[in-house]
Amino acid sequence: LGDVASERARILAEADAQAAAVLAEGRARIAAEVADMEARATAEIEAARARSGDELRAEIARLSAAATTDAVRAALDERTQQELIDGFIAKVGAGR
């Protein structure tokens, strides 16, 4: 009866040790997967941030150019435009 009890205790201790090892391995694997997911998410966020910044800068440049064009058109009346054209032609002609 003593041998059975000690064998039972040994088997239970071995099972507990194996369960603890499996649990520790699982926790380590999950921690590694979580770290990998966090790294990928961070990289994706940074890429999206960079893309949105680039898109915003491009849109600002486009709107600035359009506003400048509109402002110049509004500021130049027909007479002023003709004077600029005549002046340009005179410079080009004088350069020949």
PDB file of N, CA and C in Angstrom:
ATOM      1  N   LEU A   1       0.829  -1.203   0.000  1.00  0.00           N
ATOM      2  CA  LEU A   1       0.000   0.000   0.000  1.00  0.00           C
ATOM      3  C   LEU A   1       0.867   1.258   0.000  1.00  0.00           C
ATOM      4  N   GLY A   2       2.002   1.203   0.678  1.00  0.00           N
ATOM      5  CA  GLY A   2       2.922   2.328   0.729  1.00  0.00           C
ATOM      6  C   GLY A   2       3.522   2.618  -0.624  1.00  0.00           C
ATOM      7  N   ASP A   3       3.858   1.542  -1.364  1.00  0.00           N
ATOM      8  CA  ASP A   3       4.421   1.728  -2.703  1.00  0.00           C
ATOM      9  C   ASP A   3       3.409   2.376  -3.643  1.00  0.00           C
ATOM     10  N   VAL A   4       2.139   2.005  -3.517  1.00  0.00           N
ATOM     11  CA  VAL A   4       1.088   2.563  -4.367  1.00  0.00           C
ATOM     12  C   VAL A   4       0.931   4.059  -4.078  1.00  0.00           C
ATOM     13  N   ALA A   5       0.941   4.421  -2.811  1.00  0.00           N
ATOM     14  CA  ALA A   5       0.779   5.829  -2.427  1.00  0.00           C
ATOM     15  C   ALA A   5       1.966   6.659  -2.908  1.00  0.00           C
ATOM     16  N   SER A   6       3.171   6.112  -2.764  1.00  0.00           N
ATOM     17  CA  SER A   6       4.344   6.877  -3.199  1.00  0.00           C
ATOM     18  C   SER A   6       4.380   6.973  -4.725  1.00  0.00           C
ATOM     19  N   GLU A   7       3.985   5.912  -5.415  1.00  0.00           N
ATOM     20  CA  GLU A   7       3.929   5.937  -6.887  1.00  0.00           C
ATOM     21  C   GLU A   7       2.889   6.957  -7.350  1.00  0.00           C
ATOM     22  N   ARG A   8       1.756   6.971  -6.649  1.00  0.00           N
ATOM     23  CA  ARG A   8       0.687   7.930  -6.964  1.00  0.00           C
ATOM     24  C   ARG A   8       1.203   9.357  -6.787  1.00  0.00           C
ATOM     25  N   ALA A   9       1.892   9.617  -5.705  1.00  0.00           N
ATOM     26  CA  ALA A   9       2.440  10.948  -5.423  1.00  0.00           C
ATOM     27  C   ALA A   9       3.471  11.340  -6.485  1.00  0.00           C
ATOM     28  N   ARG A  10       4.314  10.371  -6.875  1.00  0.00           N
ATOM     29  CA  ARG A  10       5.330  10.641  -7.885  1.00  0.00           C
ATOM     30  C   ARG A  10       4.676  10.985  -9.227  1.00  0.00           C
ATOM     31  N   ILE A  11       3.666  10.223  -9.623  1.00  0.00           N
ATOM     32  CA  ILE A  11       2.963  10.455 -10.889  1.00  0.00           C
ATOM     33  C   ILE A  11       2.273  11.822 -10.877  1.00  0.00           C
ATOM     34  N   LEU A  12       1.636  12.150  -9.752  1.00  0.00           N
ATOM     35  CA  LEU A  12       0.966  13.448  -9.642  1.00  0.00           C
ATOM     36  C   LEU A  12       1.976  14.600  -9.708  1.00  0.00           C
ATOM     37  N   ALA A  13       3.110  14.426  -9.040  1.00  0.00           N
ATOM     38  CA  ALA A  13       4.152  15.463  -9.063  1.00  0.00           C
ATOM     39  C   ALA A  13       4.697  15.633 -10.479  1.00  0.00           C
ATOM     40  N   GLU A  14       4.893  14.511 -11.162  1.00  0.00           N
ATOM     41  CA  GLU A  14       5.382  14.565 -12.542  1.00  0.00           C
ATOM     42  C   GLU A  14       4.359  15.253 -13.447  1.00  0.00           C
ATOM     43  N   ALA A  15       3.088  14.931 -13.264  1.00  0.00           N
ATOM     44  CA  ALA A  15       2.025  15.549 -14.055  1.00  0.00           C
ATOM     45  C   ALA A  15       1.952  17.048 -13.775  1.00  0.00           C
ATOM     46  N   ASP A  16       2.090  17.426 -12.512  1.00  0.00           N
ATOM     47  CA  ASP A  16       2.090  18.851 -12.154  1.00  0.00           C
ATOM     48  C   ASP A  16       3.261  19.580 -12.811  1.00  0.00           C
ATOM     49  N   ALA A  17       4.430  18.945 -12.816  1.00  0.00           N
ATOM     50  CA  ALA A  17       5.617  19.555 -13.421  1.00  0.00           C
ATOM     51  C   ALA A  17       5.423  19.711 -14.930  1.00  0.00           C
ATOM     52  N   GLN A  18       4.870  18.675 -15.575  1.00  0.00           N
ATOM     53  CA  GLN A  18       4.624  18.754 -17.014  1.00  0.00           C
ATOM     54  C   GLN A  18       3.588  19.838 -17.328  1.00  0.00           C
ATOM     55  N   ALA A  19       2.547  19.908 -16.514  1.00  0.00           N
ATOM     56  CA  ALA A  19       1.513  20.926 -16.724  1.00  0.00           C
ATOM     57  C   ALA A  19       2.101  22.326 -16.562  1.00  0.00           C
ATOM     58  N   ALA A  20       2.947  22.500 -15.561  1.00  0.00           N
ATOM     59  CA  ALA A  20       3.581  23.806 -15.346  1.00  0.00           C
ATOM     60  C   ALA A  20       4.482  24.170 -16.523  1.00  0.00           C
ATOM     61  N   ALA A  21       5.208  23.181 -17.061  1.00  0.00           N
ATOM     62  CA  ALA A  21       6.092  23.434 -18.201  1.00  0.00           C
ATOM     63  C   ALA A  21       5.282  23.812 -19.441  1.00  0.00           C
ATOM     64  N   VAL A  22       4.190  23.082 -19.686  1.00  0.00           N
ATOM     65  CA  VAL A  22       3.334  23.382 -20.838  1.00  0.00           C
ATOM     66  C   VAL A  22       2.726  24.778 -20.687  1.00  0.00           C
ATOM     67  N   LEU A  23       2.281  25.099 -19.481  1.00  0.00           N
ATOM     68  CA  LEU A  23       1.693  26.408 -19.214  1.00  0.00           C
ATOM     69  C   LEU A  23       2.724  27.522 -19.431  1.00  0.00           C
ATOM     70  N   ALA A  24       3.932  27.330 -18.937  1.00  0.00           N
ATOM     71  CA  ALA A  24       4.988  28.335 -19.108  1.00  0.00           C
ATOM     72  C   ALA A  24       5.329  28.507 -20.583  1.00  0.00           C
ATOM     73  N   GLU A  25       5.400  27.401 -21.310  1.00  0.00           N
ATOM     74  CA  GLU A  25       5.689  27.466 -22.746  1.00  0.00           C
ATOM     75  C   GLU A  25       4.583  28.210 -23.488  1.00  0.00           C
ATOM     76  N   GLY A  26       3.342  27.917 -23.135  1.00  0.00           N
ATOM     77  CA  GLY A  26       2.204  28.593 -23.760  1.00  0.00           C
ATOM     78  C   GLY A  26       2.210  30.083 -23.473  1.00  0.00           C
ATOM     79  N   ARG A  27       2.505  30.438 -22.233  1.00  0.00           N
ATOM     80  CA  ARG A  27       2.562  31.860 -21.875  1.00  0.00           C
ATOM     81  C   ARG A  27       3.678  32.570 -22.641  1.00  0.00           C
ATOM     82  N   ALA A  28       4.820  31.919 -22.766  1.00  0.00           N
ATOM     83  CA  ALA A  28       5.941  32.522 -23.492  1.00  0.00           C
ATOM     84  C   ALA A  28       5.589  32.707 -24.967  1.00  0.00           C
ATOM     85  N   ARG A  29       4.940  31.706 -25.552  1.00  0.00           N
ATOM     86  CA  ARG A  29       4.546  31.790 -26.959  1.00  0.00           C
ATOM     87  C   ARG A  29       3.526  32.915 -27.162  1.00  0.00           C
ATOM     88  N   ILE A  30       2.562  33.014 -26.264  1.00  0.00           N
ATOM     89  CA  ILE A  30       1.554  34.074 -26.367  1.00  0.00           C
ATOM     90  C   ILE A  30       2.199  35.448 -26.202  1.00  0.00           C
ATOM     91  N   ALA A  31       3.128  35.564 -25.255  1.00  0.00           N
ATOM     92  CA  ALA A  31       3.817  36.845 -25.052  1.00  0.00           C
ATOM     93  C   ALA A  31       4.591  37.241 -26.308  1.00  0.00           C
ATOM     94  N   ALA A  32       5.227  36.274 -26.958  1.00  0.00           N
ATOM     95  CA  ALA A  32       5.970  36.564 -28.188  1.00  0.00           C
ATOM     96  C   ALA A  32       5.019  36.978 -29.306  1.00  0.00           C
ATOM     97  N   GLU A  33       3.888  36.304 -29.420  1.00  0.00           N
ATOM     98  CA  GLU A  33       2.905  36.651 -30.449  1.00  0.00           C
ATOM     99  C   GLU A  33       2.340  38.048 -30.213  1.00  0.00           C
ATOM    100  N   VAL A  34       2.058  38.370 -28.954  1.00  0.00           N
ATOM    101  CA  VAL A  34       1.532  39.696 -28.624  1.00  0.00           C
ATOM    102  C   VAL A  34       2.565  40.770 -28.964  1.00  0.00           C
ATOM    103  N   ALA A  35       3.824  40.523 -28.618  1.00  0.00           N
ATOM    104  CA  ALA A  35       4.881  41.490 -28.932  1.00  0.00           C
ATOM    105  C   ALA A  35       5.003  41.683 -30.440  1.00  0.00           C
ATOM    106  N   ASP A  36       4.901  40.591 -31.200  1.00  0.00           N
ATOM    107  CA  ASP A  36       4.970  40.679 -32.657  1.00  0.00           C
ATOM    108  C   ASP A  36       3.785  41.467 -33.209  1.00  0.00           C
ATOM    109  N   MET A  37       2.596  41.202 -32.695  1.00  0.00           N
ATOM    110  CA  MET A  37       1.401  41.920 -33.135  1.00  0.00           C
ATOM    111  C   MET A  37       1.520  43.408 -32.815  1.00  0.00           C
ATOM    112  N   GLU A  38       2.029  43.728 -31.621  1.00  0.00           N
ATOM    113  CA  GLU A  38       2.200  45.126 -31.241  1.00  0.00           C
ATOM    114  C   GLU A  38       3.204  45.817 -32.163  1.00  0.00           C
ATOM    115  N   ALA A  39       4.286  45.129 -32.495  1.00  0.00           N
ATOM    116  CA  ALA A  39       5.298  45.711 -33.381  1.00  0.00           C
ATOM    117  C   ALA A  39       4.718  45.963 -34.770  1.00  0.00           C
ATOM    118  N   ARG A  40       3.955  44.998 -35.285  1.00  0.00           N
ATOM    119  CA  ARG A  40       3.342  45.177 -36.605  1.00  0.00           C
ATOM    120  C   ARG A  40       2.325  46.315 -36.582  1.00  0.00           C
ATOM    121  N   ALA A  41       1.521  46.375 -35.511  1.00  0.00           N
ATOM    122  CA  ALA A  41       0.524  47.444 -35.405  1.00  0.00           C
ATOM    123  C   ALA A  41       1.200  48.808 -35.334  1.00  0.00           C
ATOM    124  N   THR A  42       2.272  48.898 -34.572  1.00  0.00           N
ATOM    125  CA  THR A  42       3.009  50.160 -34.471  1.00  0.00           C
ATOM    126  C   THR A  42       3.568  50.567 -35.829  1.00  0.00           C
ATOM    127  N   ALA A  43       4.119  49.610 -36.556  1.00  0.00           N
ATOM    128  CA  ALA A  43       4.660  49.905 -37.889  1.00  0.00           C
ATOM    129  C   ALA A  43       3.551  50.357 -38.836  1.00  0.00           C
ATOM    130  N   GLU A  44       2.401  49.707 -38.774  1.00  0.00           N
ATOM    131  CA  GLU A  44       1.280  50.092 -39.635  1.00  0.00           C
ATOM    132  C   GLU A  44       0.784  51.491 -39.293  1.00  0.00           C
ATOM    133  N   ILE A  45       0.732  51.805 -37.998  1.00  0.00           N
ATOM    134  CA  ILE A  45       0.291  53.133 -37.566  1.00  0.00           C
ATOM    135  C   ILE A  45       1.264  54.195 -38.069  1.00  0.00           C
ATOM    136  N   GLU A  46       2.547  53.935 -37.933  1.00  0.00           N
ATOM    137  CA  GLU A  46       3.555  54.892 -38.401  1.00  0.00           C
ATOM    138  C   GLU A  46       3.470  55.081 -39.914  1.00  0.00           C
ATOM    139  N   ALA A  47       3.258  54.000 -40.643  1.00  0.00           N
ATOM    140  CA  ALA A  47       3.131  54.101 -42.102  1.00  0.00           C
ATOM    141  C   ALA A  47       1.891  54.915 -42.479  1.00  0.00           C
ATOM    142  N   ALA A  48       0.795  54.671 -41.783  1.00  0.00           N
ATOM    143  CA  ALA A  48      -0.434  55.421 -42.056  1.00  0.00           C
ATOM    144  C   ALA A  48      -0.246  56.896 -41.715  1.00  0.00           C
ATOM    145  N   ARG A  49       0.446  57.157 -40.620  1.00  0.00           N
ATOM    146  CA  ARG A  49       0.716  58.545 -40.221  1.00  0.00           C
ATOM    147  C   ARG A  49       1.560  59.242 -41.296  1.00  0.00           C
ATOM    148  N   ALA A  50       2.565  58.556 -41.794  1.00  0.00           N
ATOM    149  CA  ALA A  50       3.422  59.140 -42.834  1.00  0.00           C
ATOM    150  C   ALA A  50       2.623  59.394 -44.108  1.00  0.00           C
ATOM    151  N   ARG A  51       1.792  58.410 -44.490  1.00  0.00           N
ATOM    152  CA  ARG A  51       0.971  58.584 -45.699  1.00  0.00           C
ATOM    153  C   ARG A  51       0.019  59.765 -45.545  1.00  0.00           C
ATOM    154  N   SER A  52      -0.633  59.857 -44.396  1.00  0.00           N
ATOM    155  CA  SER A  52      -1.592  60.948 -44.214  1.00  0.00           C
ATOM    156  C   SER A  52      -0.880  62.293 -44.184  1.00  0.00           C
ATOM    157  N   GLY A  53       0.323  62.339 -43.618  1.00  0.00           N
ATOM    158  CA  GLY A  53       1.094  63.581 -43.634  1.00  0.00           C
ATOM    159  C   GLY A  53       1.464  63.982 -45.046  1.00  0.00           C
ATOM    160  N   ASP A  54       1.895  63.009 -45.844  1.00  0.00           N
ATOM    161  CA  ASP A  54       2.232  63.279 -47.250  1.00  0.00           C
ATOM    162  C   ASP A  54       1.006  63.761 -48.021  1.00  0.00           C
ATOM    163  N   GLU A  55      -0.118  63.097 -47.795  1.00  0.00           N
ATOM    164  CA  GLU A  55      -1.351  63.482 -48.478  1.00  0.00           C
ATOM    165  C   GLU A  55      -1.781  64.887 -48.067  1.00  0.00           C
ATOM    166  N   LEU A  56      -1.637  65.193 -46.785  1.00  0.00           N
ATOM    167  CA  LEU A  56      -2.015  66.519 -46.298  1.00  0.00           C
ATOM    168  C   LEU A  56      -1.115  67.593 -46.907  1.00  0.00           C
ATOM    169  N   ARG A  57       0.192  67.340 -46.945  1.00  0.00           N
ATOM    170  CA  ARG A  57       1.112  68.312 -47.547  1.00  0.00           C
ATOM    171  C   ARG A  57       0.792  68.521 -49.028  1.00  0.00           C
ATOM    172  N   ALA A  58       0.486  67.451 -49.738  1.00  0.00           N
ATOM    173  CA  ALA A  58       0.147  67.568 -51.162  1.00  0.00           C
ATOM    174  C   ALA A  58      -1.136  68.374 -51.345  1.00  0.00           C
ATOM    175  N   GLU A  59      -2.114  68.135 -50.496  1.00  0.00           N
ATOM    176  CA  GLU A  59      -3.379  68.869 -50.592  1.00  0.00           C
ATOM    177  C   GLU A  59      -3.169  70.347 -50.269  1.00  0.00           C
ATOM    178  N   ILE A  60      -2.350  70.641 -49.263  1.00  0.00           N
ATOM    179  CA  ILE A  60      -2.052  72.037 -48.920  1.00  0.00           C
ATOM    180  C   ILE A  60      -1.358  72.725 -50.095  1.00  0.00           C
ATOM    181  N   ALA A  61      -0.408  72.042 -50.713  1.00  0.00           N
ATOM    182  CA  ALA A  61       0.290  72.618 -51.866  1.00  0.00           C
ATOM    183  C   ALA A  61      -0.677  72.877 -53.015  1.00  0.00           C
ATOM    184  N   ARG A  62      -1.564  71.923 -53.261  1.00  0.00           N
ATOM    185  CA  ARG A  62      -2.538  72.088 -54.342  1.00  0.00           C
ATOM    186  C   ARG A  62      -3.458  73.272 -54.071  1.00  0.00           C
ATOM    187  N   LEU A  63      -3.967  73.362 -52.835  1.00  0.00           N
ATOM    188  CA  LEU A  63      -4.867  74.462 -52.488  1.00  0.00           C
ATOM    189  C   LEU A  63      -4.145  75.807 -52.521  1.00  0.00           C
ATOM    190  N   SER A  64      -2.885  75.820 -52.080  1.00  0.00           N
ATOM    191  CA  SER A  64      -2.102  77.063 -52.115  1.00  0.00           C
ATOM    192  C   SER A  64      -1.892  77.531 -53.549  1.00  0.00           C
ATOM    193  N   ALA A  65      -1.565  76.598 -54.423  1.00  0.00           N
ATOM    194  CA  ALA A  65      -1.364  76.952 -55.829  1.00  0.00           C
ATOM    195  C   ALA A  65      -2.659  77.480 -56.440  1.00  0.00           C
ATOM    196  N   ALA A  66      -3.761  76.837 -56.129  1.00  0.00           N
ATOM    197  CA  ALA A  66      -5.051  77.286 -56.664  1.00  0.00           C
ATOM    198  C   ALA A  66      -5.401  78.670 -56.127  1.00  0.00           C
ATOM    199  N   ALA A  67      -5.161  78.891 -54.836  1.00  0.00           N
ATOM    200  CA  ALA A  67      -5.458  80.195 -54.244  1.00  0.00           C
ATOM    201  C   ALA A  67      -4.565  81.280 -54.833  1.00  0.00           C
ATOM    202  N   THR A  68      -3.299  80.953 -55.051  1.00  0.00           N
ATOM    203  CA  THR A  68      -2.377  81.920 -55.650  1.00  0.00           C
ATOM    204  C   THR A  68      -2.808  82.267 -57.067  1.00  0.00           C
ATOM    205  N   THR A  69      -3.170  81.256 -57.825  1.00  0.00           N
ATOM    206  CA  THR A  69      -3.640  81.486 -59.195  1.00  0.00           C
ATOM    207  C   THR A  69      -4.877  82.373 -59.198  1.00  0.00           C
ATOM    208  N   ASP A  70      -5.818  82.067 -58.318  1.00  0.00           N
ATOM    209  CA  ASP A  70      -7.039  82.875 -58.237  1.00  0.00           C
ATOM    210  C   ASP A  70      -6.724  84.310 -57.830  1.00  0.00           C
ATOM    211  N   ALA A  71      -5.801  84.478 -56.876  1.00  0.00           N
ATOM    212  CA  ALA A  71      -5.443  85.824 -56.415  1.00  0.00           C
ATOM    213  C   ALA A  71      -4.772  86.620 -57.523  1.00  0.00           C
ATOM    214  N   VAL A  72      -3.884  85.973 -58.263  1.00  0.00           N
ATOM    215  CA  VAL A  72      -3.206  86.668 -59.364  1.00  0.00           C
ATOM    216  C   VAL A  72      -4.210  87.047 -60.445  1.00  0.00           C
ATOM    217  N   ARG A  73      -5.087  86.130 -60.789  1.00  0.00           N
ATOM    218  CA  ARG A  73      -6.106  86.432 -61.808  1.00  0.00           C
ATOM    219  C   ARG A  73      -6.981  87.596 -61.372  1.00  0.00           C
ATOM    220  N   ALA A  74      -7.355  87.608 -60.100  1.00  0.00           N
ATOM    221  CA  ALA A  74      -8.219  88.672 -59.597  1.00  0.00           C
ATOM    222  C   ALA A  74      -7.481  90.011 -59.577  1.00  0.00           C
ATOM    223  N   ALA A  75      -6.177  89.982 -59.317  1.00  0.00           N
ATOM    224  CA  ALA A  75      -5.407  91.222 -59.202  1.00  0.00           C
ATOM    225  C   ALA A  75      -5.058  91.822 -60.559  1.00  0.00           C
ATOM    226  N   LEU A  76      -4.988  91.005 -61.575  1.00  0.00           N
ATOM    227  CA  LEU A  76      -4.587  91.499 -62.891  1.00  0.00           C
ATOM    228  C   LEU A  76      -5.814  91.822 -63.740  1.00  0.00           C
ATOM    229  N   ASP A  77      -5.954  93.099 -64.045  1.00  0.00           N
ATOM    230  CA  ASP A  77      -7.024  93.442 -64.978  1.00  0.00           C
ATOM    231  C   ASP A  77      -6.496  93.248 -66.401  1.00  0.00           C
ATOM    232  N   GLU A  78      -7.339  93.463 -67.366  1.00  0.00           N
ATOM    233  CA  GLU A  78      -6.965  93.187 -68.754  1.00  0.00           C
ATOM    234  C   GLU A  78      -5.806  94.077 -69.206  1.00  0.00           C
ATOM    235  N   ARG A  79      -5.819  95.336 -68.789  1.00  0.00           N
ATOM    236  CA  ARG A  79      -4.758  96.268 -69.185  1.00  0.00           C
ATOM    237  C   ARG A  79      -3.416  95.830 -68.608  1.00  0.00           C
ATOM    238  N   THR A  80      -3.415  95.446 -67.329  1.00  0.00           N
ATOM    239  CA  THR A  80      -2.177  95.010 -66.681  1.00  0.00           C
ATOM    240  C   THR A  80      -1.651  93.737 -67.339  1.00  0.00           C
ATOM    241  N   GLN A  81      -2.549  92.831 -67.658  1.00  0.00           N
ATOM    242  CA  GLN A  81      -2.134  91.606 -68.338  1.00  0.00           C
ATOM    243  C   GLN A  81      -1.487  91.927 -69.681  1.00  0.00           C
ATOM    244  N   GLN A  82      -2.083  92.837 -70.420  1.00  0.00           N
ATOM    245  CA  GLN A  82      -1.548  93.206 -71.732  1.00  0.00           C
ATOM    246  C   GLN A  82      -0.182  93.861 -71.585  1.00  0.00           C
ATOM    247  N   GLU A  83      -0.014  94.707 -70.551  1.00  0.00           N
ATOM    248  CA  GLU A  83       1.285  95.344 -70.309  1.00  0.00           C
ATOM    249  C   GLU A  83       2.350  94.291 -69.997  1.00  0.00           C
ATOM    250  N   LEU A  84       1.988  93.289 -69.185  1.00  0.00           N
ATOM    251  CA  LEU A  84       2.936  92.219 -68.867  1.00  0.00           C
ATOM    252  C   LEU A  84       3.320  91.436 -70.118  1.00  0.00           C
ATOM    253  N   ILE A  85       2.347  91.147 -70.945  1.00  0.00           N
ATOM    254  CA  ILE A  85       2.614  90.402 -72.181  1.00  0.00           C
ATOM    255  C   ILE A  85       3.506  91.226 -73.103  1.00  0.00           C
ATOM    256  N   ASP A  86       3.166  92.509 -73.266  1.00  0.00           N
ATOM    257  CA  ASP A  86       3.967  93.379 -74.138  1.00  0.00           C
ATOM    258  C   ASP A  86       5.390  93.511 -73.608  1.00  0.00           C
ATOM    259  N   GLY A  87       5.528  93.639 -72.291  1.00  0.00           N
ATOM    260  CA  GLY A  87       6.857  93.740 -71.687  1.00  0.00           C
ATOM    261  C   GLY A  87       7.667  92.475 -71.909  1.00  0.00           C
ATOM    262  N   PHE A  88       7.029  91.329 -71.771  1.00  0.00           N
ATOM    263  CA  PHE A  88       7.717  90.058 -71.990  1.00  0.00           C
ATOM    264  C   PHE A  88       8.174  89.936 -73.440  1.00  0.00           C
ATOM    265  N   ILE A  89       7.280  90.287 -74.354  1.00  0.00           N
ATOM    266  CA  ILE A  89       7.617  90.214 -75.780  1.00  0.00           C
ATOM    267  C   ILE A  89       8.766  91.168 -76.097  1.00  0.00           C
ATOM    268  N   ALA A  90       8.739  92.342 -75.499  1.00  0.00           N
ATOM    269  CA  ALA A  90       9.812  93.313 -75.740  1.00  0.00           C
ATOM    270  C   ALA A  90      11.147  92.776 -75.230  1.00  0.00           C
ATOM    271  N   LYS A  91      11.134  92.135 -74.058  1.00  0.00           N
ATOM    272  CA  LYS A  91      12.378  91.573 -73.511  1.00  0.00           C
ATOM    273  C   LYS A  91      12.894  90.441 -74.387  1.00  0.00           C
ATOM    274  N   VAL A  92      11.997  89.582 -74.811  1.00  0.00           N
ATOM    275  CA  VAL A  92      12.400  88.454 -75.648  1.00  0.00           C
ATOM    276  C   VAL A  92      12.925  88.969 -76.982  1.00  0.00           C
ATOM    277  N   GLY A  93      12.247  89.966 -77.523  1.00  0.00           N
ATOM    278  CA  GLY A  93      12.680  90.539 -78.793  1.00  0.00           C
ATOM    279  C   GLY A  93      14.003  91.275 -78.655  1.00  0.00           C
ATOM    280  N   ALA A  94      14.225  91.940 -77.533  1.00  0.00           N
ATOM    281  CA  ALA A  94      15.466  92.687 -77.309  1.00  0.00           C
ATOM    282  C   ALA A  94      16.640  91.741 -77.114  1.00  0.00           C
ATOM    283  N   GLY A  95      16.362  90.541 -76.664  1.00  0.00           N
ATOM    284  CA  GLY A  95      17.424  89.574 -76.415  1.00  0.00           C
ATOM    285  C   GLY A  95      17.964  88.936 -77.669  1.00  0.00           C
ATOM    286  N   ARG A  96      17.317  89.139 -78.799  1.00  0.00           N
ATOM    287  CA  ARG A  96      17.744  88.493 -80.052  1.00  0.00           C
ATOM    288  C   ARG A  96      18.810  89.251 -80.739  1.00  0.00           C
TER     289      ARG A  96
END
